[in-house]
């Protein structure tokens, strides 16, 4: 078991990444494919092979989103020196369409990765509130007030609750 102080000595020294010889890393050399069409052809040929398409289908059937698959493929291509990050950004939508098209032909259910979630909507609302200059405390106060109102309404409608004033007036 290592102690926190010992872990400090296991970390790389500052500037260590700059001590390698220039051009020794794949991403420090010119890319193999500078044309986006050539890079896209590389990926479509690789993904069309029987071994790779089988693995791709297994990944998609497990629920892994297509967008994450595309991001992983293109990032790997950049790290291997196949193409630049600019080319990766340009070809990502085409790779996405290729993968979803092949999955549709194979009748495989897949996650696109483009679905909106409750968390994303909450983040969007927070961004909009901040852009409008609404302070965080004001937003929290509104949220607490809404929750209190809901809890009061729920409590008032329970079986053993005390009758409300308007209910008493209605009986008379």
N, C-alpha and C. Protein backbone atom coordinates (compact mmCIF):
# COMPACT_ATOMS: atom_id res chain seq x y z
N UNK A 1 0.85 -1.18 0.00
CA UNK A 1 0.00 0.00 0.00
C UNK A 1 0.89 1.23 0.00
N UNK A 2 0.58 2.17 -0.85
CA UNK A 2 1.38 3.39 -0.92
C UNK A 2 0.72 4.48 -0.11
N UNK A 3 1.54 5.30 0.47
CA UNK A 3 1.03 6.44 1.22
C UNK A 3 0.88 7.63 0.27
N UNK A 4 0.11 8.64 0.66
CA UNK A 4 -0.05 9.80 -0.22
C UNK A 4 1.27 10.48 -0.56
N UNK A 5 2.21 10.49 0.37
CA UNK A 5 3.51 11.12 0.10
C UNK A 5 4.31 10.30 -0.91
N UNK A 6 4.18 8.98 -0.85
CA UNK A 6 4.91 8.14 -1.79
C UNK A 6 4.33 8.28 -3.20
N UNK A 7 3.04 8.55 -3.29
CA UNK A 7 2.40 8.71 -4.60
C UNK A 7 2.95 9.91 -5.34
N UNK A 8 3.39 10.93 -4.62
CA UNK A 8 3.96 12.11 -5.27
C UNK A 8 5.21 11.76 -6.06
N UNK A 9 5.97 10.81 -5.55
CA UNK A 9 7.22 10.44 -6.22
C UNK A 9 6.99 9.54 -7.43
N UNK A 10 5.78 9.00 -7.56
CA UNK A 10 5.44 8.16 -8.70
C UNK A 10 4.98 8.97 -9.90
N UNK A 11 4.62 10.23 -9.69
CA UNK A 11 4.09 11.08 -10.76
C UNK A 11 5.22 11.54 -11.67
N UNK A 12 4.89 11.86 -12.92
CA UNK A 12 5.94 12.37 -13.83
C UNK A 12 6.42 13.75 -13.39
N UNK A 13 7.66 14.03 -13.70
CA UNK A 13 8.20 15.34 -13.34
C UNK A 13 7.67 16.39 -14.32
N UNK A 14 7.47 17.61 -13.87
CA UNK A 14 7.02 18.66 -14.78
C UNK A 14 7.99 18.82 -15.95
N UNK A 15 7.45 18.85 -17.15
CA UNK A 15 8.27 19.00 -18.34
C UNK A 15 8.80 17.70 -18.91
N UNK A 16 8.47 16.58 -18.28
CA UNK A 16 8.97 15.28 -18.75
C UNK A 16 8.50 14.98 -20.17
N UNK A 17 7.31 15.44 -20.51
CA UNK A 17 6.80 15.18 -21.86
C UNK A 17 7.60 15.92 -22.92
N UNK A 18 8.36 16.92 -22.52
CA UNK A 18 9.15 17.70 -23.47
C UNK A 18 10.56 17.15 -23.64
N UNK A 19 10.88 16.06 -22.94
CA UNK A 19 12.24 15.52 -23.01
C UNK A 19 12.41 14.49 -24.12
N UNK A 20 11.34 14.07 -24.75
CA UNK A 20 11.44 13.12 -25.86
C UNK A 20 11.92 13.85 -27.10
N UNK A 21 12.53 13.11 -27.99
CA UNK A 21 13.02 13.68 -29.24
C UNK A 21 11.84 14.13 -30.10
N UNK A 22 11.97 15.30 -30.71
CA UNK A 22 10.91 15.84 -31.55
C UNK A 22 10.66 14.89 -32.72
N UNK A 23 9.40 14.55 -32.94
CA UNK A 23 9.03 13.66 -34.03
C UNK A 23 9.00 12.20 -33.62
N UNK A 24 9.28 11.90 -32.35
CA UNK A 24 9.27 10.50 -31.92
C UNK A 24 7.85 9.98 -31.68
N UNK A 25 6.90 10.85 -31.52
CA UNK A 25 5.51 10.46 -31.32
C UNK A 25 4.76 10.55 -32.65
N UNK A 26 3.78 9.66 -32.87
CA UNK A 26 3.07 9.66 -34.15
C UNK A 26 2.37 10.99 -34.45
N UNK A 27 1.85 11.65 -33.42
CA UNK A 27 1.12 12.90 -33.66
C UNK A 27 2.05 14.09 -33.89
N UNK A 28 3.36 13.87 -33.77
CA UNK A 28 4.33 14.93 -34.04
C UNK A 28 4.87 14.86 -35.46
N UNK A 29 4.45 13.87 -36.22
CA UNK A 29 4.87 13.72 -37.62
C UNK A 29 3.69 14.07 -38.53
N UNK A 30 3.96 14.31 -39.80
CA UNK A 30 2.84 14.57 -40.72
C UNK A 30 1.90 13.37 -40.78
N UNK A 31 0.62 13.66 -40.88
CA UNK A 31 -0.40 12.61 -40.88
C UNK A 31 -0.33 11.77 -42.16
N UNK A 32 -0.74 10.52 -42.04
CA UNK A 32 -0.76 9.61 -43.19
C UNK A 32 -1.81 10.06 -44.20
N UNK A 33 -2.98 10.49 -43.71
CA UNK A 33 -4.06 10.94 -44.58
C UNK A 33 -4.32 12.42 -44.31
N UNK A 34 -3.99 13.26 -45.28
CA UNK A 34 -4.28 14.68 -45.11
C UNK A 34 -5.62 15.06 -45.75
N UNK A 35 -6.09 14.22 -46.64
CA UNK A 35 -7.37 14.46 -47.31
C UNK A 35 -8.48 13.75 -46.52
N UNK A 36 -9.54 14.47 -46.14
CA UNK A 36 -10.62 13.83 -45.38
C UNK A 36 -11.26 12.64 -46.10
N UNK A 37 -11.32 12.69 -47.43
CA UNK A 37 -11.92 11.57 -48.17
C UNK A 37 -11.07 10.31 -48.05
N UNK A 38 -9.75 10.47 -48.06
CA UNK A 38 -8.86 9.30 -47.88
C UNK A 38 -9.02 8.72 -46.48
N UNK A 39 -9.10 9.59 -45.49
CA UNK A 39 -9.26 9.13 -44.11
C UNK A 39 -10.60 8.42 -43.94
N UNK A 40 -11.64 8.97 -44.54
CA UNK A 40 -12.96 8.34 -44.46
C UNK A 40 -12.95 6.98 -45.15
N UNK A 41 -12.29 6.89 -46.29
CA UNK A 41 -12.18 5.62 -47.00
C UNK A 41 -11.46 4.58 -46.12
N UNK A 42 -10.43 5.02 -45.39
CA UNK A 42 -9.71 4.12 -44.48
C UNK A 42 -10.67 3.54 -43.44
N UNK A 43 -11.50 4.40 -42.83
CA UNK A 43 -12.41 3.94 -41.79
C UNK A 43 -13.53 3.06 -42.35
N UNK A 44 -14.08 3.43 -43.50
CA UNK A 44 -15.16 2.60 -44.06
C UNK A 44 -14.65 1.23 -44.47
N UNK A 45 -13.43 1.17 -45.01
CA UNK A 45 -12.84 -0.14 -45.35
C UNK A 45 -12.59 -0.96 -44.10
N UNK A 46 -12.07 -0.31 -43.05
CA UNK A 46 -11.77 -1.03 -41.81
C UNK A 46 -13.06 -1.52 -41.14
N UNK A 47 -14.10 -0.69 -41.13
CA UNK A 47 -15.34 -1.07 -40.47
C UNK A 47 -16.17 -2.05 -41.29
N UNK A 48 -15.89 -2.18 -42.58
CA UNK A 48 -16.64 -3.09 -43.44
C UNK A 48 -16.16 -4.52 -43.35
N UNK A 49 -14.98 -4.74 -42.81
CA UNK A 49 -14.46 -6.09 -42.69
C UNK A 49 -15.30 -6.93 -41.76
N UNK A 50 -15.37 -8.25 -42.00
CA UNK A 50 -16.24 -9.10 -41.18
C UNK A 50 -15.85 -9.14 -39.70
N UNK A 51 -14.56 -9.17 -39.41
CA UNK A 51 -14.13 -9.23 -38.01
C UNK A 51 -14.47 -7.94 -37.28
N UNK A 52 -14.18 -6.83 -37.92
CA UNK A 52 -14.42 -5.53 -37.28
C UNK A 52 -15.91 -5.24 -37.17
N UNK A 53 -16.69 -5.59 -38.18
CA UNK A 53 -18.13 -5.32 -38.11
C UNK A 53 -18.78 -6.16 -37.02
N UNK A 54 -18.30 -7.38 -36.82
CA UNK A 54 -18.82 -8.22 -35.73
C UNK A 54 -18.55 -7.60 -34.37
N UNK A 55 -17.33 -7.10 -34.19
CA UNK A 55 -17.00 -6.43 -32.92
C UNK A 55 -17.82 -5.15 -32.75
N UNK A 56 -18.00 -4.43 -33.85
CA UNK A 56 -18.78 -3.19 -33.80
C UNK A 56 -20.23 -3.49 -33.40
N UNK A 57 -20.81 -4.54 -33.96
CA UNK A 57 -22.18 -4.91 -33.61
C UNK A 57 -22.29 -5.31 -32.14
N UNK A 58 -21.29 -6.03 -31.65
CA UNK A 58 -21.30 -6.41 -30.23
C UNK A 58 -21.27 -5.17 -29.34
N UNK A 59 -20.47 -4.20 -29.72
CA UNK A 59 -20.37 -2.96 -28.93
C UNK A 59 -21.70 -2.22 -28.95
N UNK A 60 -22.30 -2.11 -30.12
CA UNK A 60 -23.57 -1.39 -30.24
C UNK A 60 -24.70 -2.11 -29.50
N UNK A 61 -24.72 -3.43 -29.57
CA UNK A 61 -25.76 -4.20 -28.88
C UNK A 61 -25.63 -4.09 -27.37
N UNK A 62 -24.42 -3.83 -26.88
CA UNK A 62 -24.23 -3.70 -25.43
C UNK A 62 -24.73 -2.36 -24.90
N UNK A 63 -25.13 -1.45 -25.79
CA UNK A 63 -25.68 -0.18 -25.35
C UNK A 63 -24.71 0.98 -25.39
N UNK A 64 -23.53 0.74 -25.93
CA UNK A 64 -22.53 1.81 -26.05
C UNK A 64 -22.96 2.77 -27.15
N UNK A 65 -23.04 4.08 -26.88
CA UNK A 65 -23.54 5.02 -27.90
C UNK A 65 -22.64 5.12 -29.13
N UNK A 66 -23.26 5.32 -30.28
CA UNK A 66 -22.53 5.43 -31.54
C UNK A 66 -21.58 6.63 -31.51
N UNK A 67 -22.01 7.73 -30.89
CA UNK A 67 -21.15 8.91 -30.84
C UNK A 67 -19.85 8.62 -30.11
N UNK A 68 -19.91 7.80 -29.06
CA UNK A 68 -18.69 7.45 -28.33
C UNK A 68 -17.78 6.55 -29.16
N UNK A 69 -18.38 5.67 -29.94
CA UNK A 69 -17.59 4.80 -30.83
C UNK A 69 -16.85 5.66 -31.85
N UNK A 70 -17.56 6.60 -32.45
CA UNK A 70 -16.95 7.48 -33.46
C UNK A 70 -15.84 8.32 -32.83
N UNK A 71 -16.10 8.87 -31.66
CA UNK A 71 -15.07 9.68 -30.99
C UNK A 71 -13.83 8.84 -30.68
N UNK A 72 -14.03 7.62 -30.23
CA UNK A 72 -12.90 6.74 -29.93
C UNK A 72 -12.10 6.38 -31.17
N UNK A 73 -12.80 6.08 -32.25
CA UNK A 73 -12.12 5.74 -33.50
C UNK A 73 -11.28 6.91 -34.01
N UNK A 74 -11.88 8.10 -34.05
CA UNK A 74 -11.16 9.25 -34.61
C UNK A 74 -10.04 9.71 -33.70
N UNK A 75 -10.24 9.65 -32.39
CA UNK A 75 -9.16 10.02 -31.47
C UNK A 75 -8.00 9.04 -31.60
N UNK A 76 -8.32 7.76 -31.74
CA UNK A 76 -7.27 6.76 -31.95
C UNK A 76 -6.51 7.02 -33.24
N UNK A 77 -7.23 7.42 -34.28
CA UNK A 77 -6.58 7.75 -35.55
C UNK A 77 -5.64 8.93 -35.43
N UNK A 78 -6.01 9.92 -34.65
CA UNK A 78 -5.13 11.08 -34.42
C UNK A 78 -3.89 10.63 -33.65
N UNK A 79 -4.08 9.82 -32.62
CA UNK A 79 -2.94 9.37 -31.80
C UNK A 79 -2.01 8.45 -32.58
N UNK A 80 -2.53 7.71 -33.55
CA UNK A 80 -1.70 6.83 -34.37
C UNK A 80 -1.03 7.57 -35.51
N UNK A 81 -1.40 8.84 -35.71
CA UNK A 81 -0.83 9.62 -36.79
C UNK A 81 -1.49 9.38 -38.13
N UNK A 82 -2.70 8.81 -38.12
CA UNK A 82 -3.39 8.57 -39.39
C UNK A 82 -3.88 9.88 -40.01
N UNK A 83 -4.37 10.78 -39.18
CA UNK A 83 -4.90 12.06 -39.66
C UNK A 83 -4.82 13.09 -38.54
N UNK A 84 -5.10 14.33 -38.87
CA UNK A 84 -5.07 15.40 -37.87
C UNK A 84 -6.42 15.49 -37.17
N UNK A 85 -6.45 16.27 -36.11
CA UNK A 85 -7.71 16.45 -35.38
C UNK A 85 -8.73 17.17 -36.24
N UNK A 86 -8.27 18.05 -37.12
CA UNK A 86 -9.19 18.75 -38.03
C UNK A 86 -9.91 17.76 -38.94
N UNK A 87 -9.16 16.83 -39.49
CA UNK A 87 -9.76 15.81 -40.36
C UNK A 87 -10.72 14.95 -39.54
N UNK A 88 -10.36 14.65 -38.29
CA UNK A 88 -11.24 13.84 -37.44
C UNK A 88 -12.58 14.54 -37.24
N UNK A 89 -12.55 15.84 -37.02
CA UNK A 89 -13.79 16.59 -36.83
C UNK A 89 -14.62 16.59 -38.11
N UNK A 90 -13.96 16.70 -39.24
CA UNK A 90 -14.67 16.74 -40.52
C UNK A 90 -15.31 15.40 -40.89
N UNK A 91 -14.65 14.30 -40.57
CA UNK A 91 -15.16 12.99 -41.00
C UNK A 91 -16.06 12.32 -39.96
N UNK A 92 -16.11 12.84 -38.75
CA UNK A 92 -16.93 12.21 -37.70
C UNK A 92 -18.40 12.05 -38.08
N UNK A 93 -19.06 13.07 -38.64
CA UNK A 93 -20.47 12.86 -39.02
C UNK A 93 -20.65 11.77 -40.08
N UNK A 94 -19.72 11.67 -41.03
CA UNK A 94 -19.84 10.64 -42.06
C UNK A 94 -19.63 9.25 -41.47
N UNK A 95 -18.70 9.11 -40.55
CA UNK A 95 -18.49 7.81 -39.89
C UNK A 95 -19.73 7.44 -39.07
N UNK A 96 -20.31 8.43 -38.39
CA UNK A 96 -21.54 8.21 -37.62
C UNK A 96 -22.65 7.68 -38.53
N UNK A 97 -22.84 8.33 -39.66
CA UNK A 97 -23.88 7.90 -40.60
C UNK A 97 -23.58 6.50 -41.15
N UNK A 98 -22.32 6.21 -41.41
CA UNK A 98 -21.94 4.89 -41.91
C UNK A 98 -22.29 3.81 -40.88
N UNK A 99 -21.90 4.05 -39.62
CA UNK A 99 -22.14 3.05 -38.57
C UNK A 99 -23.64 2.86 -38.34
N UNK A 100 -24.40 3.95 -38.27
CA UNK A 100 -25.84 3.80 -38.05
C UNK A 100 -26.52 3.15 -39.25
N UNK A 101 -26.04 3.43 -40.45
CA UNK A 101 -26.61 2.79 -41.64
C UNK A 101 -26.36 1.30 -41.65
N UNK A 102 -25.15 0.89 -41.32
CA UNK A 102 -24.82 -0.54 -41.27
C UNK A 102 -25.62 -1.22 -40.16
N UNK A 103 -25.75 -0.56 -39.01
CA UNK A 103 -26.52 -1.13 -37.90
C UNK A 103 -28.00 -1.25 -38.27
N UNK A 104 -28.52 -0.28 -38.99
CA UNK A 104 -29.92 -0.37 -39.43
C UNK A 104 -30.11 -1.53 -40.40
N UNK A 105 -29.17 -1.72 -41.32
CA UNK A 105 -29.26 -2.84 -42.27
C UNK A 105 -29.20 -4.18 -41.54
N UNK A 106 -28.41 -4.24 -40.48
CA UNK A 106 -28.28 -5.48 -39.71
C UNK A 106 -29.39 -5.62 -38.68
N UNK A 107 -30.31 -4.63 -38.64
CA UNK A 107 -31.43 -4.62 -37.70
C UNK A 107 -30.97 -4.72 -36.26
N UNK A 108 -29.99 -3.90 -35.91
CA UNK A 108 -29.46 -3.86 -34.55
C UNK A 108 -29.98 -2.61 -33.86
N UNK A 109 -30.49 -2.79 -32.64
CA UNK A 109 -30.90 -1.64 -31.83
C UNK A 109 -29.64 -1.00 -31.26
N UNK A 110 -29.57 0.31 -31.32
CA UNK A 110 -28.38 1.01 -30.84
C UNK A 110 -28.76 2.33 -30.21
N UNK A 111 -27.86 2.81 -29.36
CA UNK A 111 -28.00 4.14 -28.74
C UNK A 111 -27.26 5.12 -29.63
N UNK A 112 -27.91 6.21 -29.99
CA UNK A 112 -27.24 7.18 -30.85
C UNK A 112 -26.26 8.04 -30.08
N UNK A 113 -26.57 8.31 -28.82
CA UNK A 113 -25.74 9.22 -28.04
C UNK A 113 -26.20 10.65 -28.19
N UNK A 114 -27.26 10.87 -28.95
CA UNK A 114 -27.78 12.21 -29.18
C UNK A 114 -29.06 12.47 -28.39
N UNK A 115 -29.51 11.50 -27.61
CA UNK A 115 -30.74 11.65 -26.86
C UNK A 115 -30.56 12.70 -25.76
N UNK A 116 -31.63 13.43 -25.49
CA UNK A 116 -31.61 14.44 -24.44
C UNK A 116 -31.97 13.76 -23.12
N UNK A 117 -31.26 14.09 -22.09
CA UNK A 117 -31.57 13.54 -20.78
C UNK A 117 -32.01 14.67 -19.85
N UNK A 118 -32.58 14.28 -18.72
CA UNK A 118 -33.02 15.27 -17.74
C UNK A 118 -31.83 16.09 -17.24
N UNK A 119 -30.71 15.45 -17.09
CA UNK A 119 -29.51 16.14 -16.61
C UNK A 119 -29.07 17.20 -17.62
N UNK A 120 -29.09 16.86 -18.92
CA UNK A 120 -28.72 17.82 -19.95
C UNK A 120 -29.65 19.03 -19.95
N UNK A 121 -30.94 18.78 -19.76
CA UNK A 121 -31.89 19.89 -19.75
C UNK A 121 -31.67 20.78 -18.54
N UNK A 122 -31.31 20.18 -17.40
CA UNK A 122 -31.03 20.98 -16.20
C UNK A 122 -29.78 21.83 -16.41
N UNK A 123 -28.77 21.27 -17.06
CA UNK A 123 -27.55 22.03 -17.35
C UNK A 123 -27.87 23.17 -18.30
N UNK A 124 -28.70 22.91 -19.32
CA UNK A 124 -29.10 23.96 -20.25
C UNK A 124 -29.83 25.09 -19.54
N UNK A 125 -30.73 24.75 -18.61
CA UNK A 125 -31.47 25.76 -17.87
C UNK A 125 -30.52 26.59 -17.01
N UNK A 126 -29.53 25.94 -16.41
CA UNK A 126 -28.55 26.66 -15.60
C UNK A 126 -27.75 27.63 -16.46
N UNK A 127 -27.36 27.20 -17.64
CA UNK A 127 -26.60 28.07 -18.53
C UNK A 127 -27.43 29.28 -18.95
N UNK A 128 -28.70 29.05 -19.26
CA UNK A 128 -29.58 30.15 -19.66
C UNK A 128 -29.78 31.12 -18.50
N UNK A 129 -30.00 30.58 -17.29
CA UNK A 129 -30.18 31.44 -16.12
C UNK A 129 -28.94 32.30 -15.87
N UNK A 130 -27.79 31.71 -16.00
CA UNK A 130 -26.55 32.47 -15.78
C UNK A 130 -26.36 33.53 -16.86
N UNK A 131 -26.73 33.20 -18.09
CA UNK A 131 -26.61 34.17 -19.18
C UNK A 131 -27.55 35.35 -18.97
N UNK A 132 -28.69 35.10 -18.35
CA UNK A 132 -29.64 36.17 -18.07
C UNK A 132 -29.25 36.96 -16.82
N UNK A 133 -28.21 36.53 -16.15
CA UNK A 133 -27.74 37.24 -14.96
C UNK A 133 -28.49 36.89 -13.70
N UNK A 134 -29.25 35.81 -13.73
CA UNK A 134 -29.99 35.39 -12.55
C UNK A 134 -29.01 34.73 -11.58
N UNK A 135 -28.88 35.25 -10.36
CA UNK A 135 -27.93 34.65 -9.42
C UNK A 135 -28.35 33.25 -8.99
N UNK A 136 -27.36 32.45 -8.60
CA UNK A 136 -27.61 31.07 -8.18
C UNK A 136 -28.54 31.01 -6.98
N UNK A 137 -28.38 31.95 -6.05
CA UNK A 137 -29.21 31.95 -4.84
C UNK A 137 -30.68 32.14 -5.20
N UNK A 138 -30.96 32.99 -6.18
CA UNK A 138 -32.34 33.23 -6.60
C UNK A 138 -32.94 31.97 -7.22
N UNK A 139 -32.15 31.27 -8.04
CA UNK A 139 -32.64 30.03 -8.65
C UNK A 139 -32.91 28.98 -7.58
N UNK A 140 -32.01 28.88 -6.60
CA UNK A 140 -32.20 27.89 -5.54
C UNK A 140 -33.43 28.23 -4.70
N UNK A 141 -33.65 29.52 -4.44
CA UNK A 141 -34.82 29.93 -3.67
C UNK A 141 -36.09 29.55 -4.41
N UNK A 142 -36.13 29.77 -5.72
CA UNK A 142 -37.30 29.39 -6.51
C UNK A 142 -37.53 27.89 -6.45
N UNK A 143 -36.46 27.12 -6.53
CA UNK A 143 -36.57 25.66 -6.50
C UNK A 143 -37.10 25.19 -5.15
N UNK A 144 -36.58 25.77 -4.05
CA UNK A 144 -37.02 25.39 -2.71
C UNK A 144 -38.49 25.75 -2.52
N UNK A 145 -38.89 26.92 -3.00
CA UNK A 145 -40.29 27.34 -2.88
C UNK A 145 -41.21 26.38 -3.63
N UNK A 146 -40.81 25.95 -4.83
CA UNK A 146 -41.61 25.01 -5.60
C UNK A 146 -41.74 23.68 -4.86
N UNK A 147 -40.64 23.20 -4.28
CA UNK A 147 -40.66 21.93 -3.55
C UNK A 147 -41.54 22.04 -2.31
N UNK A 148 -41.48 23.17 -1.60
CA UNK A 148 -42.32 23.36 -0.42
C UNK A 148 -43.79 23.37 -0.80
N UNK A 149 -44.12 24.06 -1.89
CA UNK A 149 -45.51 24.13 -2.35
C UNK A 149 -46.02 22.73 -2.69
N UNK A 150 -45.18 21.92 -3.34
CA UNK A 150 -45.58 20.55 -3.68
C UNK A 150 -45.79 19.72 -2.42
N UNK A 151 -44.90 19.86 -1.44
CA UNK A 151 -45.02 19.07 -0.22
C UNK A 151 -46.25 19.48 0.58
N UNK A 152 -46.60 20.78 0.57
CA UNK A 152 -47.80 21.24 1.26
C UNK A 152 -49.04 20.66 0.60
N UNK A 153 -49.07 20.67 -0.73
CA UNK A 153 -50.21 20.12 -1.45
C UNK A 153 -50.35 18.63 -1.21
N UNK A 154 -49.23 17.91 -1.16
CA UNK A 154 -49.27 16.47 -0.91
C UNK A 154 -49.73 16.19 0.51
N UNK A 155 -49.24 16.96 1.48
CA UNK A 155 -49.60 16.75 2.88
C UNK A 155 -51.08 17.05 3.12
N UNK A 156 -51.61 18.06 2.48
CA UNK A 156 -53.00 18.45 2.69
C UNK A 156 -53.97 17.42 2.12
N UNK A 157 -53.55 16.62 1.23
CA UNK A 157 -54.47 15.67 0.60
C UNK A 157 -54.39 14.27 1.20
N UNK A 158 -53.67 14.10 2.30
CA UNK A 158 -53.57 12.77 2.89
C UNK A 158 -54.85 12.42 3.65
N UNK A 159 -55.04 11.15 3.95
CA UNK A 159 -56.27 10.65 4.56
C UNK A 159 -56.51 11.23 5.95
N UNK A 160 -55.50 11.29 6.79
CA UNK A 160 -55.66 11.73 8.17
C UNK A 160 -55.32 13.20 8.37
N UNK A 161 -55.24 13.96 7.30
CA UNK A 161 -54.86 15.36 7.43
C UNK A 161 -56.02 16.19 7.97
N UNK A 162 -55.66 17.30 8.55
CA UNK A 162 -56.64 18.22 9.09
C UNK A 162 -57.37 18.90 7.94
N UNK A 163 -58.66 19.09 8.05
CA UNK A 163 -59.39 19.74 6.96
C UNK A 163 -58.90 21.17 6.76
N UNK A 164 -58.84 21.58 5.52
CA UNK A 164 -58.43 22.94 5.19
C UNK A 164 -59.58 23.91 5.46
N UNK A 165 -59.25 25.19 5.56
CA UNK A 165 -60.24 26.22 5.86
C UNK A 165 -61.35 26.24 4.81
N UNK A 166 -60.99 26.14 3.54
CA UNK A 166 -62.01 26.19 2.49
C UNK A 166 -62.90 24.94 2.51
N UNK A 167 -62.38 23.80 3.00
CA UNK A 167 -63.20 22.60 3.11
C UNK A 167 -64.23 22.75 4.22
N UNK A 168 -63.84 23.41 5.34
CA UNK A 168 -64.76 23.62 6.45
C UNK A 168 -65.90 24.55 6.05
N UNK A 169 -65.59 25.59 5.29
CA UNK A 169 -66.61 26.53 4.86
C UNK A 169 -67.59 25.87 3.90
N UNK A 170 -67.11 24.93 3.10
CA UNK A 170 -67.98 24.25 2.14
C UNK A 170 -68.99 23.34 2.82
N UNK A 171 -68.68 22.83 4.02
CA UNK A 171 -69.58 21.92 4.73
C UNK A 171 -70.69 22.68 5.44
N UNK A 172 -70.49 23.94 5.75
CA UNK A 172 -71.49 24.69 6.51
C UNK A 172 -72.57 25.18 5.67
